[in-house]
Every structure is written in C-alpha cells, then in structure tokens.
Amino acid sequence: MPCPQPITVFFDGYCPVCRREVAAYRRLAPQAAIRWHDIASDAPSVERDGFDLAAALALLHVRDGDGRLRIGLQAHLCLWQRLPGWRLLVAPLQRFDALYRAADAAYRLFTRWRPGLRRRRREHGHG
C-alpha cells in the first residue's frame, strides 16, 4: 500500500529523540517528497489541520498525498517508504501481522516514555 507523494510529517521538535530522528531522515530523503512540520513550534496549525495536538505530540502523524492521516507505526511506514534503507522494513511489517503488532506495541511503549513528552508533562504539570 504505497503512500502517494508528497507527504507531510508532523513531528515534535521539542523532543530531542524526535529531532535527531527527523534530522537523520532529512539527510536521506529528497526534500520535494516530504514536508517536515515541527508542531512544537506551530501548535495552532495542528488543529487547523484537523487533529488533536496532544495526540500529535504522543505519536508521529503523517498526512499522505491522498490527504489521509496516518498515525503511529502506520505514519512511520508511510515515511519509511521514501527513505533508502528504511523502505526495506515496510514490506515485512505490512505482510506479517504478528511482527506489525509487536513493532506497534514497542513503538507505543517507547513513545509513552520518550524524553520530550515526559519533560513537557513535567513542565506543564501533566504527570
């Protein structure tokens, strides 16, 4: 299920892990194929784009070329299809349901405890 081009990747620029990940992806990806949108520096745009800021900060969001919003591991798969090396992970994750479920569970567990989200919660009194 290829994602049509271009895509928009909404990421949390406040999170140091997310910033490093996006910087690595940007070095691999052609700029024309991917629009990078730091929601930490432009939070109101998230609601204008039709989704919740808290959800967007918690999990990666990608709007594909057809306008569909992909969230979490599905967002990563859409992005990885455009990245040399990373695209090799897409087919096995889509083909093997057990592998997909395990990767999705690991991703969701990681995102609950990632540094930027935990720091933001502490600073804003949300946990």
C-alpha atoms as a PDB file:
ATOM      1  CA  MET A   1       0.000   0.000   0.000  1.00  0.00           C
ATOM      2  CA  PRO A   2       2.288   2.813  -1.178  1.00  0.00           C
ATOM      3  CA  CYS A   3       1.643   6.333   0.016  1.00  0.00           C
ATOM      4  CA  PRO A   4       1.258   8.824  -2.808  1.00  0.00           C
ATOM      5  CA  GLN A   5       3.591  11.804  -2.811  1.00  0.00           C
ATOM      6  CA  PRO A   6       4.067  14.299  -1.308  1.00  0.00           C
ATOM      7  CA  ILE A   7       3.572  13.596   2.366  1.00  0.00           C
ATOM      8  CA  THR A   8       3.644  15.898   5.375  1.00  0.00           C
ATOM      9  CA  VAL A   9       5.354  14.655   8.518  1.00  0.00           C
ATOM     10  CA  PHE A  10       4.193  16.282  11.761  1.00  0.00           C
ATOM     11  CA  PHE A  11       6.821  15.820  14.462  1.00  0.00           C
ATOM     12  CA  ASP A  12       7.562  17.048  17.982  1.00  0.00           C
ATOM     13  CA  GLY A  13      10.591  19.325  17.662  1.00  0.00           C
ATOM     14  CA  TYR A  14      10.639  19.735  21.449  1.00  0.00           C
ATOM     15  CA  CYS A  15      11.663  16.088  21.825  1.00  0.00           C
ATOM     16  CA  PRO A  16      15.445  15.558  21.467  1.00  0.00           C
ATOM     17  CA  VAL A  17      14.995  11.980  20.219  1.00  0.00           C
ATOM     18  CA  CYS A  18      12.437  13.134  17.632  1.00  0.00           C
ATOM     19  CA  ARG A  19      14.702  15.972  16.446  1.00  0.00           C
ATOM     20  CA  ARG A  20      17.614  13.563  15.931  1.00  0.00           C
ATOM     21  CA  GLU A  21      15.397  11.047  14.139  1.00  0.00           C
ATOM     22  CA  VAL A  22      13.966  13.704  11.800  1.00  0.00           C
ATOM     23  CA  ALA A  23      17.438  15.129  11.124  1.00  0.00           C
ATOM     24  CA  ALA A  24      18.631  11.660  10.074  1.00  0.00           C
ATOM     25  CA  TYR A  25      15.570  11.162   7.861  1.00  0.00           C
ATOM     26  CA  ARG A  26      16.029  14.589   6.263  1.00  0.00           C
ATOM     27  CA  ARG A  27      19.567  13.683   5.239  1.00  0.00           C
ATOM     28  CA  LEU A  28      18.224  10.584   3.456  1.00  0.00           C
ATOM     29  CA  ALA A  29      15.042  11.949   1.880  1.00  0.00           C
ATOM     30  CA  PRO A  30      14.584  14.220  -1.104  1.00  0.00           C
ATOM     31  CA  GLN A  31      13.089  17.492   0.110  1.00  0.00           C
ATOM     32  CA  ALA A  32      10.450  17.534  -2.620  1.00  0.00           C
ATOM     33  CA  ALA A  33       8.892  14.269  -1.420  1.00  0.00           C
ATOM     34  CA  ILE A  34       8.484  15.139   2.259  1.00  0.00           C
ATOM     35  CA  ARG A  35       7.282  18.266   4.021  1.00  0.00           C
ATOM     36  CA  TRP A  36       8.532  18.473   7.596  1.00  0.00           C
ATOM     37  CA  HIS A  37       6.298  20.272  10.091  1.00  0.00           C
ATOM     38  CA  ASP A  38       7.514  20.895  13.633  1.00  0.00           C
ATOM     39  CA  ILE A  39       4.307  21.028  15.662  1.00  0.00           C
ATOM     40  CA  ALA A  40       6.143  22.138  18.797  1.00  0.00           C
ATOM     41  CA  SER A  41       6.895  25.465  17.135  1.00  0.00           C
ATOM     42  CA  ASP A  42       3.484  25.816  15.455  1.00  0.00           C
ATOM     43  CA  ALA A  43       0.871  24.128  17.662  1.00  0.00           C
ATOM     44  CA  PRO A  44      -2.185  26.018  16.276  1.00  0.00           C
ATOM     45  CA  SER A  45      -1.542  24.566  12.817  1.00  0.00           C
ATOM     46  CA  VAL A  46      -2.286  21.072  14.147  1.00  0.00           C
ATOM     47  CA  GLU A  47      -5.874  21.931  14.980  1.00  0.00           C
ATOM     48  CA  ARG A  48      -6.245  23.775  11.662  1.00  0.00           C
ATOM     49  CA  ASP A  49      -5.043  20.586  10.020  1.00  0.00           C
ATOM     50  CA  GLY A  50      -7.830  18.652  11.731  1.00  0.00           C
ATOM     51  CA  PHE A  51      -6.258  16.671  14.538  1.00  0.00           C
ATOM     52  CA  ASP A  52      -5.518  16.900  18.242  1.00  0.00           C
ATOM     53  CA  LEU A  53      -2.241  18.426  19.477  1.00  0.00           C
ATOM     54  CA  ALA A  54      -1.872  16.014  22.413  1.00  0.00           C
ATOM     55  CA  ALA A  55      -2.307  13.042  20.078  1.00  0.00           C
ATOM     56  CA  ALA A  56       0.161  14.520  17.589  1.00  0.00           C
ATOM     57  CA  LEU A  57       2.736  15.029  20.323  1.00  0.00           C
ATOM     58  CA  ALA A  58       2.305  11.469  21.548  1.00  0.00           C
ATOM     59  CA  LEU A  59       2.591   9.640  18.189  1.00  0.00           C
ATOM     60  CA  LEU A  60       4.048  10.535  14.812  1.00  0.00           C
ATOM     61  CA  HIS A  61       1.433  11.822  12.356  1.00  0.00           C
ATOM     62  CA  VAL A  62       1.800  11.827   8.568  1.00  0.00           C
ATOM     63  CA  ARG A  63      -0.676  13.191   6.048  1.00  0.00           C
ATOM     64  CA  ASP A  64      -0.253  11.218   2.838  1.00  0.00           C
ATOM     65  CA  GLY A  65      -0.700  12.506  -0.699  1.00  0.00           C
ATOM     66  CA  ASP A  66      -4.371  11.482  -0.683  1.00  0.00           C
ATOM     67  CA  GLY A  67      -4.998  13.549   2.445  1.00  0.00           C
ATOM     68  CA  ARG A  68      -5.323  10.553   4.768  1.00  0.00           C
ATOM     69  CA  LEU A  69      -3.886  10.985   8.222  1.00  0.00           C
ATOM     70  CA  ARG A  70      -1.669   8.113   9.292  1.00  0.00           C
ATOM     71  CA  ILE A  71      -0.741   7.783  12.935  1.00  0.00           C
ATOM     72  CA  GLY A  72       1.925   5.895  14.860  1.00  0.00           C
ATOM     73  CA  LEU A  73       3.546   2.956  13.127  1.00  0.00           C
ATOM     74  CA  GLN A  74       1.368   3.490  10.021  1.00  0.00           C
ATOM     75  CA  ALA A  75       2.836   7.015   9.822  1.00  0.00           C
ATOM     76  CA  HIS A  76       6.347   5.588  10.049  1.00  0.00           C
ATOM     77  CA  LEU A  77       5.625   3.067   7.289  1.00  0.00           C
ATOM     78  CA  CYS A  78       4.380   5.845   5.030  1.00  0.00           C
ATOM     79  CA  LEU A  79       7.549   7.842   5.745  1.00  0.00           C
ATOM     80  CA  TRP A  80       9.929   4.886   5.526  1.00  0.00           C
ATOM     81  CA  GLN A  81       8.690   4.058   2.015  1.00  0.00           C
ATOM     82  CA  ARG A  82      10.561   7.188   0.897  1.00  0.00           C
ATOM     83  CA  LEU A  83      13.819   6.541   2.731  1.00  0.00           C
ATOM     84  CA  PRO A  84      16.695   4.488   1.339  1.00  0.00           C
ATOM     85  CA  GLY A  85      17.372   1.531   3.592  1.00  0.00           C
ATOM     86  CA  TRP A  86      14.315   2.149   5.749  1.00  0.00           C
ATOM     87  CA  ARG A  87      11.928   1.116   2.969  1.00  0.00           C
ATOM     88  CA  LEU A  88      13.190  -2.452   3.378  1.00  0.00           C
ATOM     89  CA  LEU A  89      11.325  -2.624   6.709  1.00  0.00           C
ATOM     90  CA  VAL A  90       7.944  -1.712   5.246  1.00  0.00           C
ATOM     91  CA  ALA A  91       7.015  -4.930   3.392  1.00  0.00           C
ATOM     92  CA  PRO A  92       7.744  -7.353   6.275  1.00  0.00           C
ATOM     93  CA  LEU A  93       5.833  -5.167   8.720  1.00  0.00           C
ATOM     94  CA  GLN A  94       2.859  -4.992   6.371  1.00  0.00           C
ATOM     95  CA  ARG A  95       2.993  -8.676   5.450  1.00  0.00           C
ATOM     96  CA  PHE A  96       3.341 -10.277   8.894  1.00  0.00           C
ATOM     97  CA  ASP A  97       0.593  -9.257  11.273  1.00  0.00           C
ATOM     98  CA  ALA A  98       2.359 -10.583  14.384  1.00  0.00           C
ATOM     99  CA  LEU A  99       5.502  -8.612  13.520  1.00  0.00           C
ATOM    100  CA  TYR A 100       3.426  -5.478  12.897  1.00  0.00           C
ATOM    101  CA  ARG A 101       1.589  -5.841  16.219  1.00  0.00           C
ATOM    102  CA  ALA A 102       4.859  -6.364  18.119  1.00  0.00           C
ATOM    103  CA  ALA A 103       6.508  -3.345  16.454  1.00  0.00           C
ATOM    104  CA  ASP A 104       3.422  -1.206  17.075  1.00  0.00           C
ATOM    105  CA  ALA A 105       3.310  -2.209  20.749  1.00  0.00           C
ATOM    106  CA  ALA A 106       7.023  -1.452  21.164  1.00  0.00           C
ATOM    107  CA  TYR A 107       6.610   1.931  19.448  1.00  0.00           C
ATOM    108  CA  ARG A 108       3.651   2.896  21.636  1.00  0.00           C
ATOM    109  CA  LEU A 109       5.511   1.847  24.783  1.00  0.00           C
ATOM    110  CA  PHE A 110       8.560   3.884  23.769  1.00  0.00           C
ATOM    111  CA  THR A 111       6.517   6.966  22.951  1.00  0.00           C
ATOM    112  CA  ARG A 112       4.864   6.936  26.370  1.00  0.00           C
ATOM    113  CA  TRP A 113       8.289   7.382  27.979  1.00  0.00           C
ATOM    114  CA  ARG A 114      10.265   9.381  25.441  1.00  0.00           C
ATOM    115  CA  PRO A 115      12.237  12.317  26.885  1.00  0.00           C
ATOM    116  CA  GLY A 116      10.469  15.239  25.178  1.00  0.00           C
ATOM    117  CA  LEU A 117       6.987  14.114  26.146  1.00  0.00           C
ATOM    118  CA  ARG A 118       7.973  13.376  29.744  1.00  0.00           C
ATOM    119  CA  ARG A 119       9.738  16.747  30.049  1.00  0.00           C
ATOM    120  CA  ARG A 120       6.746  18.574  28.565  1.00  0.00           C
ATOM    121  CA  ARG A 121       4.389  16.839  31.031  1.00  0.00           C
ATOM    122  CA  ARG A 122       6.630  17.781  33.977  1.00  0.00           C
ATOM    123  CA  GLU A 123       6.935  21.389  32.880  1.00  0.00           C
ATOM    124  CA  HIS A 124       3.205  21.760  32.311  1.00  0.00           C
ATOM    125  CA  GLY A 125       2.136  19.783  35.391  1.00  0.00           C
ATOM    126  CA  HIS A 126       0.616  16.857  33.498  1.00  0.00           C
ATOM    127  CA  GLY A 127       2.328  13.930  35.148  1.00  0.00           C
END
